[in-house]
Amino acid sequence: MSGGTGMEDRQDAERPLALVTGAGRSAGIAASATLNLARAEWDVAFTY
């Protein structure tokens, strides 16, 4: 173990990344898309 950031374990397993804008409303389309992407193991960045 190198004592690094933990990213060494994921080095070969890249996950897809999504940027979702307008996810501030809990009942909106963007919020739903953000949750579904996260459940599908995507890395998600969002704004509101």
C-alpha atoms as a PDB file:
ATOM      1  CA  MET A   1       0.000   0.000   0.000  1.00  0.00           C
ATOM      2  CA  SER A   2       1.428   3.342  -0.980  1.00  0.00           C
ATOM      3  CA  GLY A   3      -0.484   5.475   1.529  1.00  0.00           C
ATOM      4  CA  GLY A   4      -1.703   7.740  -1.284  1.00  0.00           C
ATOM      5  CA  THR A   5      -5.147   9.105  -1.986  1.00  0.00           C
ATOM      6  CA  GLY A   6      -6.794   5.747  -2.644  1.00  0.00           C
ATOM      7  CA  MET A   7      -6.991   6.430  -6.376  1.00  0.00           C
ATOM      8  CA  GLU A   8      -4.353   3.767  -6.993  1.00  0.00           C
ATOM      9  CA  ASP A   9      -7.035   1.100  -6.497  1.00  0.00           C
ATOM     10  CA  ARG A  10      -9.228   2.649  -9.225  1.00  0.00           C
ATOM     11  CA  GLN A  11      -6.475   3.380 -11.687  1.00  0.00           C
ATOM     12  CA  ASP A  12      -7.716   0.892 -14.295  1.00  0.00           C
ATOM     13  CA  ALA A  13     -11.430   1.327 -13.567  1.00  0.00           C
ATOM     14  CA  GLU A  14     -12.430   4.680 -15.024  1.00  0.00           C
ATOM     15  CA  ARG A  15     -16.012   5.728 -14.368  1.00  0.00           C
ATOM     16  CA  PRO A  16     -18.058   7.940 -16.667  1.00  0.00           C
ATOM     17  CA  LEU A  17     -18.502  11.551 -15.587  1.00  0.00           C
ATOM     18  CA  ALA A  18     -21.565  13.762 -16.021  1.00  0.00           C
ATOM     19  CA  LEU A  19     -22.125  17.471 -15.383  1.00  0.00           C
ATOM     20  CA  VAL A  20     -25.770  18.297 -14.673  1.00  0.00           C
ATOM     21  CA  THR A  21     -26.986  21.887 -14.406  1.00  0.00           C
ATOM     22  CA  GLY A  22     -30.188  23.019 -12.721  1.00  0.00           C
ATOM     23  CA  ALA A  23     -30.444  20.181 -10.199  1.00  0.00           C
ATOM     24  CA  GLY A  24     -31.653  22.440  -7.379  1.00  0.00           C
ATOM     25  CA  ARG A  25     -35.318  21.464  -7.502  1.00  0.00           C
ATOM     26  CA  SER A  26     -35.894  18.074  -5.916  1.00  0.00           C
ATOM     27  CA  ALA A  27     -38.791  17.312  -8.283  1.00  0.00           C
ATOM     28  CA  GLY A  28     -37.175  18.477 -11.523  1.00  0.00           C
ATOM     29  CA  ILE A  29     -35.831  16.582 -14.499  1.00  0.00           C
ATOM     30  CA  ALA A  30     -32.216  17.510 -13.701  1.00  0.00           C
ATOM     31  CA  ALA A  31     -32.522  16.226 -10.114  1.00  0.00           C
ATOM     32  CA  SER A  32     -33.954  12.952 -11.374  1.00  0.00           C
ATOM     33  CA  ALA A  33     -31.188  12.598 -13.960  1.00  0.00           C
ATOM     34  CA  THR A  34     -28.552  13.303 -11.287  1.00  0.00           C
ATOM     35  CA  LEU A  35     -29.930  10.597  -8.985  1.00  0.00           C
ATOM     36  CA  ASN A  36     -30.233   8.052 -11.787  1.00  0.00           C
ATOM     37  CA  LEU A  37     -26.677   8.677 -12.971  1.00  0.00           C
ATOM     38  CA  ALA A  38     -25.319   8.347  -9.433  1.00  0.00           C
ATOM     39  CA  ARG A  39     -27.241   5.093  -8.916  1.00  0.00           C
ATOM     40  CA  ALA A  40     -25.720   3.803 -12.163  1.00  0.00           C
ATOM     41  CA  GLU A  41     -22.264   4.489 -10.620  1.00  0.00           C
ATOM     42  CA  TRP A  42     -21.417   7.589 -12.640  1.00  0.00           C
ATOM     43  CA  ASP A  43     -19.372  10.367 -11.076  1.00  0.00           C
ATOM     44  CA  VAL A  44     -21.723  13.360 -11.084  1.00  0.00           C
ATOM     45  CA  ALA A  45     -21.040  17.077 -10.665  1.00  0.00           C
ATOM     46  CA  PHE A  46     -24.117  19.278 -10.442  1.00  0.00           C
ATOM     47  CA  THR A  47     -25.116  22.885 -10.019  1.00  0.00           C
ATOM     48  CA  TYR A  48     -28.305  24.445  -8.769  1.00  0.00           C
END
